[in-house]
Amino acid sequence: MKKIFQKILFRAARAILKKYKPKIIAITGSIGKTSAKEAIYAVIKSKHETRTNIKNYNNEFGLPFTIIGVESPKRNPFKWLRVFAKSFWMIYFYSHYPKVLVLELGIDRPGDMDVLMDIVKPDIAVLTTVGISHLQWFKSEQQILEEKSKIFRDLTAKDFAILNMDDAKVRQAIPKIQSKILTYGKDLASDLKIEDSTTTYSKGNGYGTLAHLNYKGKTVPIFLTNILGLPHVSASAAATAVGLAMGMELSEISDALVNYKPQPGRMNPLEGLHNSVILDDTYNAAPLSMKVAVEELINFPAARKIAVLGDMLELGNLSAQSHHDLAKQITNSAIDYFIGVGPEMKLAYNELKRTMFKEDHLFWFETSVEAIEKVKSLLEENTVMLVKGSQGLRMEKIVREIIADKSKATALLCRQDPSWLNK
């Protein structure tokens, strides 16, 4: 039955795209694709009627739901009937439809991109990063690159490929691309250069990030309010490149990025207990995103720094090495306390015990719930705490207990809908 419904959804989605012919901007990457998608959406919707993925609908079922414009009916047969009825109406009668679709494409296994590319044919395709997530299904980073690079396969000479020049793996995709290419990044060879990135603070705006982007000798500032870190600057640069490909001016792109709001759990600075700051990066974790998040913690302007880190999952036989490498990054850094959560993170905990890191500043817990009381006890004024881990560790449960106003948890944190809270 699942296969039958999937075939119906695929045909409906393709028929709708064929009829309404929206411009399609597709984004993929090992990390950063959701932030890039949100930044691109903020830029493009300032000029065009635009739709982006509903929730995290970025797979073989979610993508058709986004194209049709419905939420998942799950196991409700009456809602499935409404989905098919709406699809039929859109195909055989006229319905108002967005001019642009900004679509995140998520893959977990070899062949996933082939399935998604059978549904959509992008006009602009974006590749953010290639990392070692999902290595239990892929043999190597090279195989991940090959799968993600399929996003460029149907681009023609009039289309655009947008690539992150700061990722060496991403650069390997360039020779095979047949379309126009725009690159972005801190790398000096980038078409759109990130010139700087600085954490700022003011009583009126709180914490934020100020950066400058340079394109063909013209520089514009971008200020991201209540958003921290180079990954968000990189997402903004990807959005700027897409805006340029769509014919927008640098100044109007910069203005539009004021409306960029990343989804919860993506390095969001939150007010914590006892006037502390919580860096909520709990949506997920992979070695590269973990490394960048820890760097942000190290560089954050606070006297006392605490890392609360959960397992990085789905790394296959590279898991042990990745957690050892994390411990090396923390050793001799400005981080004062380390709290590990989960069986894999115990490797980092044990590695840190063998170093000069103060043993009474090291803690480990099996689950996020077990870690909550210790985390609470360490919070005080002028403290910044990074909380991050893979989805399976449910690190947002910690953040929920340490933010200053728990009544805002539903709006501020990831995985707060009933289907998650009951797990």
Protein backbone atom coordinates (compact mmCIF):
# COMPACT_ATOMS: atom_id res chain seq x y z
CA MET A 1 0.00 0.00 0.00
CA LYS A 2 2.86 2.38 0.85
CA LYS A 3 4.38 1.88 -2.61
CA ILE A 4 1.03 2.53 -4.29
CA PHE A 5 0.49 5.77 -2.36
CA GLN A 6 4.06 6.81 -3.15
CA LYS A 7 3.52 6.30 -6.89
CA ILE A 8 0.30 8.33 -6.79
CA LEU A 9 2.07 11.14 -4.90
CA PHE A 10 4.99 11.15 -7.36
CA ARG A 11 2.70 11.36 -10.37
CA ALA A 12 0.59 14.07 -8.79
CA ALA A 13 3.65 16.16 -7.82
CA ARG A 14 5.18 15.86 -11.29
CA ALA A 15 1.86 16.76 -12.96
CA ILE A 16 1.46 19.82 -10.75
CA LEU A 17 4.98 21.03 -11.51
CA LYS A 18 4.45 20.45 -15.24
CA LYS A 19 1.21 22.45 -15.20
CA TYR A 20 2.21 25.44 -13.05
CA LYS A 21 5.92 25.59 -14.00
CA PRO A 22 7.30 27.25 -10.84
CA LYS A 23 10.97 28.14 -10.72
CA ILE A 24 12.63 25.49 -8.55
CA ILE A 25 15.55 26.17 -6.21
CA ALA A 26 16.84 22.90 -4.68
CA ILE A 27 19.28 22.63 -1.78
CA THR A 28 21.21 19.68 -0.39
CA GLY A 29 24.26 19.08 1.80
CA SER A 30 25.49 17.07 4.77
CA ILE A 31 25.07 20.02 7.11
CA GLY A 32 23.70 23.52 6.66
CA LYS A 33 21.05 22.71 4.08
CA THR A 34 18.08 23.67 6.27
CA SER A 35 19.67 26.97 7.30
CA ALA A 36 20.55 27.69 3.67
CA LYS A 37 16.98 26.83 2.68
CA GLU A 38 15.55 29.24 5.27
CA ALA A 39 17.95 32.03 4.25
CA ILE A 40 17.18 31.51 0.56
CA TYR A 41 13.46 31.54 1.32
CA ALA A 42 13.84 34.85 3.22
CA VAL A 43 15.60 36.42 0.25
CA ILE A 44 13.43 35.12 -2.59
CA LYS A 45 10.06 35.71 -0.90
CA SER A 46 10.94 39.41 -0.71
CA LYS A 47 10.55 39.53 -4.52
CA HIS A 48 8.41 36.55 -5.53
CA GLU A 49 5.54 34.50 -4.19
CA THR A 50 7.44 31.56 -2.75
CA ARG A 51 6.83 28.26 -0.96
CA THR A 52 9.37 26.20 0.94
CA ASN A 53 9.32 22.78 2.60
CA ILE A 54 6.58 22.24 5.13
CA LYS A 55 8.27 21.29 8.43
CA ASN A 56 11.15 18.93 7.51
CA TYR A 57 9.41 17.43 4.46
CA ASN A 58 12.51 16.79 2.38
CA ASN A 59 12.32 13.07 1.47
CA GLU A 60 10.42 10.94 -1.04
CA PHE A 61 7.12 11.50 0.82
CA GLY A 62 7.71 14.96 2.23
CA LEU A 63 8.74 16.53 -1.06
CA PRO A 64 5.45 15.70 -2.86
CA PHE A 65 3.49 16.97 0.16
CA THR A 66 5.32 20.30 -0.12
CA ILE A 67 4.69 20.51 -3.85
CA ILE A 68 0.99 19.77 -3.37
CA GLY A 69 0.84 22.13 -0.37
CA VAL A 70 -0.46 19.75 2.30
CA GLU A 71 0.71 18.31 5.59
CA SER A 72 1.28 14.59 5.96
CA PRO A 73 -1.98 12.68 6.49
CA LYS A 74 0.00 10.03 8.39
CA ARG A 75 -2.33 7.04 8.94
CA ASN A 76 -5.61 8.93 8.60
CA PRO A 77 -7.48 7.54 5.53
CA PHE A 78 -9.81 10.55 5.32
CA LYS A 79 -6.86 12.96 5.21
CA TRP A 80 -5.29 10.83 2.47
CA LEU A 81 -8.51 11.17 0.48
CA ARG A 82 -8.32 14.96 0.88
CA VAL A 83 -4.71 14.94 -0.33
CA PHE A 84 -5.65 13.00 -3.47
CA ALA A 85 -8.74 15.16 -4.01
CA LYS A 86 -6.70 18.35 -3.78
CA SER A 87 -4.10 16.93 -6.18
CA PHE A 88 -6.82 16.00 -8.69
CA TRP A 89 -8.33 19.48 -8.52
CA MET A 90 -4.95 21.18 -8.98
CA ILE A 91 -4.12 19.02 -11.99
CA TYR A 92 -7.44 19.23 -13.85
CA PHE A 93 -8.63 22.65 -12.75
CA TYR A 94 -6.89 25.94 -12.01
CA SER A 95 -5.47 26.70 -8.56
CA HIS A 96 -3.33 29.61 -7.50
CA TYR A 97 0.26 28.38 -7.21
CA PRO A 98 3.56 29.97 -6.02
CA LYS A 99 5.97 31.30 -8.63
CA VAL A 100 9.02 29.85 -6.85
CA LEU A 101 9.62 26.68 -4.82
CA VAL A 102 12.60 26.56 -2.44
CA LEU A 103 13.07 22.86 -1.74
CA GLU A 104 15.43 21.10 0.64
CA LEU A 105 16.41 17.63 -0.56
CA GLY A 106 17.48 15.21 2.17
CA ILE A 107 19.20 11.90 1.49
CA ASP A 108 20.15 9.04 3.81
CA ARG A 109 21.15 6.22 1.46
CA PRO A 110 22.57 5.62 -2.01
CA GLY A 111 19.88 6.18 -4.65
CA ASP A 112 17.83 8.62 -2.57
CA MET A 113 18.78 11.60 -4.76
CA ASP A 114 17.73 9.69 -7.90
CA VAL A 115 14.25 9.32 -6.41
CA LEU A 116 13.99 13.02 -5.54
CA MET A 117 15.37 14.16 -8.90
CA ASP A 118 12.71 12.09 -10.63
CA ILE A 119 10.20 14.46 -9.02
CA VAL A 120 11.87 17.86 -9.41
CA LYS A 121 14.06 19.45 -12.07
CA PRO A 122 15.84 22.41 -10.45
CA ASP A 123 16.58 25.70 -12.18
CA ILE A 124 19.02 26.56 -9.39
CA ALA A 125 20.78 23.85 -7.35
CA VAL A 126 22.76 24.47 -4.15
CA LEU A 127 25.31 22.18 -2.49
CA THR A 128 26.38 23.35 0.98
CA THR A 129 28.72 20.67 2.37
CA VAL A 130 29.76 17.05 2.05
CA GLY A 131 30.51 15.35 5.37
CA ILE A 132 30.58 11.93 6.97
CA SER A 133 27.01 11.78 8.26
CA HIS A 134 25.02 8.64 7.30
CA LEU A 135 28.21 6.63 6.81
CA GLN A 136 26.43 3.50 8.00
CA TRP A 137 24.79 3.48 4.54
CA PHE A 138 27.58 4.97 2.43
CA LYS A 139 31.03 3.44 1.91
CA SER A 140 32.90 6.76 1.92
CA GLU A 141 32.69 10.54 1.75
CA GLN A 142 33.34 10.21 -1.97
CA GLN A 143 30.18 8.16 -2.39
CA ILE A 144 28.24 10.79 -0.42
CA LEU A 145 29.64 13.45 -2.77
CA GLU A 146 28.59 11.45 -5.81
CA GLU A 147 25.06 11.04 -4.46
CA LYS A 148 24.61 14.68 -3.48
CA SER A 149 26.16 15.93 -6.74
CA LYS A 150 23.27 14.36 -8.62
CA ILE A 151 21.37 17.53 -7.73
CA PHE A 152 23.25 19.13 -10.64
CA ARG A 153 22.61 16.39 -13.20
CA ASP A 154 19.64 17.99 -15.02
CA LEU A 155 20.89 21.60 -15.01
CA THR A 156 21.18 23.19 -18.46
CA ALA A 157 23.43 25.99 -19.68
CA LYS A 158 20.86 28.63 -18.62
CA ASP A 159 20.56 27.26 -15.07
CA PHE A 160 22.75 27.92 -12.02
CA ALA A 161 24.77 25.73 -9.66
CA ILE A 162 25.60 27.34 -6.31
CA LEU A 163 28.52 25.80 -4.39
CA ASN A 164 30.33 26.35 -1.11
CA MET A 165 34.00 26.92 -1.98
CA ASP A 166 35.08 26.41 1.63
CA ASP A 167 34.35 22.68 1.34
CA ALA A 168 37.06 20.78 -0.54
CA LYS A 169 34.66 17.94 -1.37
CA VAL A 170 32.10 20.33 -2.82
CA ARG A 171 34.77 21.85 -5.08
CA GLN A 172 35.31 18.43 -6.62
CA ALA A 173 31.84 18.61 -8.16
CA ILE A 174 32.62 21.69 -10.27
CA PRO A 175 34.27 20.07 -13.36
CA LYS A 176 31.19 17.94 -14.11
CA ILE A 177 28.64 20.77 -13.93
CA GLN A 178 27.19 21.91 -17.25
CA SER A 179 25.36 25.04 -16.03
CA LYS A 180 26.46 28.48 -14.91
CA ILE A 181 28.27 28.38 -11.56
CA LEU A 182 28.33 30.80 -8.63
CA THR A 183 30.53 30.00 -5.65
CA TYR A 184 30.51 31.46 -2.14
CA GLY A 185 32.68 31.25 0.95
CA LYS A 186 35.70 32.63 2.79
CA ASP A 187 37.98 31.07 0.17
CA LEU A 188 39.57 33.85 -1.91
CA ALA A 189 38.62 32.02 -5.11
CA SER A 190 34.90 32.38 -4.29
CA ASP A 191 32.75 34.52 -6.56
CA LEU A 192 30.93 35.80 -3.48
CA LYS A 193 33.40 36.25 -0.63
CA ILE A 194 32.66 36.23 3.09
CA GLU A 195 35.07 38.89 4.32
CA ASP A 196 34.50 38.63 8.07
CA SER A 197 32.18 37.31 10.75
CA THR A 198 31.92 38.82 14.25
CA THR A 199 29.71 38.08 17.25
CA THR A 200 28.06 41.26 18.50
CA TYR A 201 26.00 42.22 21.53
CA SER A 202 23.74 45.15 22.39
CA LYS A 203 21.08 45.61 25.04
CA GLY A 204 18.48 46.33 22.39
CA ASN A 205 19.22 43.50 19.96
CA GLY A 206 20.94 40.94 22.17
CA TYR A 207 23.53 38.72 20.52
CA GLY A 208 23.96 38.60 16.77
CA THR A 209 26.45 38.21 13.94
CA LEU A 210 27.84 40.93 11.71
CA ALA A 211 29.50 39.97 8.42
CA HIS A 212 30.38 41.48 5.05
CA LEU A 213 29.93 39.92 1.61
CA ASN A 214 31.88 41.00 -1.45
CA TYR A 215 30.77 40.40 -5.04
CA LYS A 216 32.74 41.81 -7.97
CA GLY A 217 34.34 44.46 -5.75
CA LYS A 218 31.09 45.62 -4.16
CA THR A 219 30.67 44.93 -0.44
CA VAL A 220 27.48 44.82 1.62
CA PRO A 221 27.03 44.22 5.36
CA ILE A 222 24.63 41.64 6.71
CA PHE A 223 23.49 41.64 10.31
CA LEU A 224 21.82 38.53 11.73
CA THR A 225 19.86 39.37 14.87
CA ASN A 226 19.82 36.69 17.60
CA ILE A 227 21.70 34.37 15.24
CA LEU A 228 25.25 33.21 15.91
CA GLY A 229 28.05 31.68 13.96
CA LEU A 230 29.79 31.26 10.64
CA PRO A 231 27.36 28.50 9.50
CA HIS A 232 24.57 31.08 9.41
CA VAL A 233 26.81 33.55 7.59
CA SER A 234 27.55 30.77 5.09
CA ALA A 235 23.81 30.12 4.73
CA SER A 236 23.29 33.84 4.13
CA ALA A 237 26.04 33.80 1.50
CA ALA A 238 24.34 30.86 -0.25
CA ALA A 239 21.10 32.85 -0.21
CA THR A 240 22.90 35.88 -1.59
CA ALA A 241 24.32 33.80 -4.45
CA VAL A 242 20.83 32.49 -5.24
CA GLY A 243 19.47 36.04 -5.15
CA LEU A 244 22.15 37.16 -7.59
CA ALA A 245 21.28 34.24 -9.88
CA MET A 246 17.66 35.43 -9.72
CA GLY A 247 18.67 38.94 -10.81
CA MET A 248 18.47 40.68 -7.45
CA GLU A 249 20.80 43.47 -6.32
CA LEU A 250 23.22 43.01 -3.42
CA SER A 251 21.57 45.80 -1.43
CA GLU A 252 18.06 44.33 -1.65
CA ILE A 253 19.39 40.88 -0.77
CA SER A 254 21.09 42.35 2.31
CA ASP A 255 17.82 44.03 3.30
CA ALA A 256 15.87 40.78 2.83
CA LEU A 257 18.25 38.81 5.05
CA VAL A 258 16.97 40.79 8.04
CA ASN A 259 14.00 38.41 7.84
CA TYR A 260 16.15 35.26 7.96
CA LYS A 261 15.13 33.21 10.97
CA PRO A 262 16.76 29.79 11.35
CA GLN A 263 14.66 26.96 12.64
CA PRO A 264 14.91 26.05 16.34
CA GLY A 265 17.95 24.13 17.51
CA ARG A 266 20.39 25.72 15.05
CA MET A 267 22.90 27.60 17.22
CA ASN A 268 20.24 29.89 18.66
CA PRO A 269 21.33 32.05 21.64
CA LEU A 270 18.69 31.75 24.37
CA GLU A 271 18.40 33.36 27.78
CA GLY A 272 19.24 30.76 30.39
CA LEU A 273 18.77 30.42 34.14
CA HIS A 274 20.71 32.85 36.36
CA ASN A 275 21.38 35.28 33.46
CA SER A 276 23.37 32.69 31.53
CA VAL A 277 23.39 32.24 27.75
CA ILE A 278 22.42 28.92 26.16
CA LEU A 279 23.69 28.15 22.66
CA ASP A 280 20.95 25.80 21.49
CA ASP A 281 22.34 23.64 18.68
CA THR A 282 20.30 20.56 19.53
CA TYR A 283 18.67 19.76 16.19
CA ASN A 284 21.39 17.32 15.15
CA ALA A 285 25.14 16.71 15.12
CA ALA A 286 27.89 15.53 12.80
CA PRO A 287 31.68 15.89 13.15
CA LEU A 288 31.95 19.07 11.06
CA SER A 289 28.95 20.80 12.65
CA MET A 290 30.17 19.77 16.11
CA LYS A 291 33.63 21.17 15.43
CA VAL A 292 32.19 24.50 14.24
CA ALA A 293 29.81 24.72 17.22
CA VAL A 294 32.62 24.08 19.70
CA GLU A 295 34.69 26.80 17.98
CA GLU A 296 31.78 29.21 18.43
CA LEU A 297 31.66 28.33 22.13
CA ILE A 298 35.42 28.84 22.50
CA ASN A 299 35.24 32.27 20.84
CA PHE A 300 32.05 33.42 22.60
CA PRO A 301 32.55 36.53 24.79
CA ALA A 302 31.88 35.05 28.24
CA ALA A 303 34.07 34.32 31.26
CA ARG A 304 32.82 30.78 31.86
CA LYS A 305 32.20 28.22 29.10
CA ILE A 306 30.48 24.84 29.33
CA ALA A 307 30.08 22.18 26.63
CA VAL A 308 27.14 19.77 27.00
CA LEU A 309 27.54 17.37 24.11
CA GLY A 310 25.64 14.26 23.09
CA ASP A 311 26.66 11.43 20.78
CA MET A 312 27.27 12.01 17.08
CA LEU A 313 25.34 9.14 15.51
CA GLU A 314 25.26 7.40 12.11
CA LEU A 315 29.04 7.61 11.62
CA GLY A 316 29.70 3.92 11.07
CA ASN A 317 33.29 2.86 11.66
CA LEU A 318 34.43 6.50 11.95
CA SER A 319 32.46 7.09 15.15
CA ALA A 320 35.26 6.34 17.61
CA GLN A 321 37.78 8.51 15.77
CA SER A 322 35.31 11.38 15.47
CA HIS A 323 34.63 11.43 19.21
CA HIS A 324 38.36 11.21 19.98
CA ASP A 325 38.98 14.16 17.64
CA LEU A 326 36.33 16.15 19.49
CA ALA A 327 38.15 15.54 22.77
CA LYS A 328 41.39 16.80 21.21
CA GLN A 329 39.64 20.00 20.12
CA ILE A 330 38.39 20.62 23.67
CA THR A 331 41.72 19.82 25.33
CA ASN A 332 43.64 23.01 26.24
CA SER A 333 40.77 25.16 24.92
CA ALA A 334 38.93 27.92 26.79
CA ILE A 335 36.17 25.47 27.74
CA ASP A 336 35.84 25.15 31.52
CA TYR A 337 33.41 22.21 31.89
CA PHE A 338 32.54 19.21 29.74
CA ILE A 339 29.39 17.13 30.13
CA GLY A 340 29.10 14.16 27.80
CA VAL A 341 25.83 12.37 27.08
CA GLY A 342 25.48 8.92 25.50
CA PRO A 343 27.67 5.84 25.03
CA GLU A 344 29.69 7.27 22.11
CA MET A 345 30.43 10.52 23.94
CA LYS A 346 31.94 8.48 26.76
CA LEU A 347 34.90 8.01 24.42
CA ALA A 348 35.47 11.77 24.44
CA TYR A 349 34.94 11.87 28.21
CA ASN A 350 37.56 9.14 28.77
CA GLU A 351 39.98 10.85 26.39
CA LEU A 352 39.64 14.13 28.31
CA LYS A 353 40.28 12.29 31.60
CA ARG A 354 43.69 11.33 30.24
CA THR A 355 44.61 14.98 29.60
CA MET A 356 45.23 18.01 31.78
CA PHE A 357 41.50 18.82 31.78
CA LYS A 358 40.34 19.19 35.42
CA GLU A 359 38.76 15.90 36.41
CA ASP A 360 36.21 17.56 38.70
CA HIS A 361 35.06 19.59 35.66
CA LEU A 362 34.29 16.44 33.68
CA PHE A 363 30.96 14.59 33.78
CA TRP A 364 29.22 11.87 31.78
CA PHE A 365 25.63 10.60 31.69
CA GLU A 366 23.89 7.85 29.78
CA THR A 367 20.90 10.00 28.76
CA SER A 368 20.00 13.66 28.40
CA VAL A 369 17.38 13.41 31.16
CA GLU A 370 19.97 12.08 33.62
CA ALA A 371 22.25 15.05 32.85
CA ILE A 372 19.69 17.78 33.60
CA GLU A 373 20.33 18.30 37.32
CA LYS A 374 24.11 18.53 36.90
CA VAL A 375 23.68 20.96 34.03
CA LYS A 376 21.38 23.14 36.13
CA SER A 377 23.86 23.19 39.00
CA LEU A 378 26.61 24.64 36.80
CA LEU A 379 24.66 27.61 35.44
CA GLU A 380 25.44 31.06 36.79
CA GLU A 381 25.84 34.61 35.57
CA ASN A 382 28.37 35.28 32.78
CA THR A 383 28.24 31.62 31.74
CA VAL A 384 27.68 30.42 28.19
CA MET A 385 26.63 26.81 27.66
CA LEU A 386 26.62 24.98 24.32
CA VAL A 387 24.10 22.12 24.11
CA LYS A 388 24.41 19.89 21.04
CA GLY A 389 24.00 16.27 19.97
CA SER A 390 22.43 14.01 17.40
CA GLN A 391 18.66 13.80 17.20
CA GLY A 392 18.53 10.43 18.95
CA LEU A 393 20.02 11.91 22.14
CA ARG A 394 17.12 14.39 22.53
CA MET A 395 19.40 17.12 23.88
CA GLU A 396 16.56 19.64 23.61
CA LYS A 397 15.17 18.04 26.78
CA ILE A 398 18.10 19.63 28.62
CA VAL A 399 17.57 23.03 27.04
CA ARG A 400 13.88 22.96 27.96
CA GLU A 401 14.84 22.75 31.66
CA ILE A 402 17.50 25.49 31.65
CA ILE A 403 15.98 28.31 29.61
CA ALA A 404 14.84 31.30 31.66
CA ASP A 405 11.22 31.14 30.49
CA LYS A 406 9.94 27.58 29.98
CA SER A 407 6.61 28.92 28.71
CA LYS A 408 8.42 29.83 25.48
CA ALA A 409 9.80 26.32 24.91
CA THR A 410 7.28 25.38 22.23
CA ALA A 411 8.26 28.39 20.12
CA LEU A 412 12.01 28.33 20.80
CA LEU A 413 13.03 24.67 20.79
CA CYS A 414 13.07 21.86 18.26
CA ARG A 415 10.93 18.71 18.55
CA GLN A 416 8.25 20.22 20.79
CA ASP A 417 5.14 18.88 19.06
CA PRO A 418 3.21 16.13 20.90
CA SER A 419 4.52 13.32 18.70
CA TRP A 420 8.05 14.10 19.94
CA LEU A 421 7.27 15.08 23.51
CA ASN A 422 5.63 11.72 24.13
CA LYS A 423 8.71 9.77 23.02
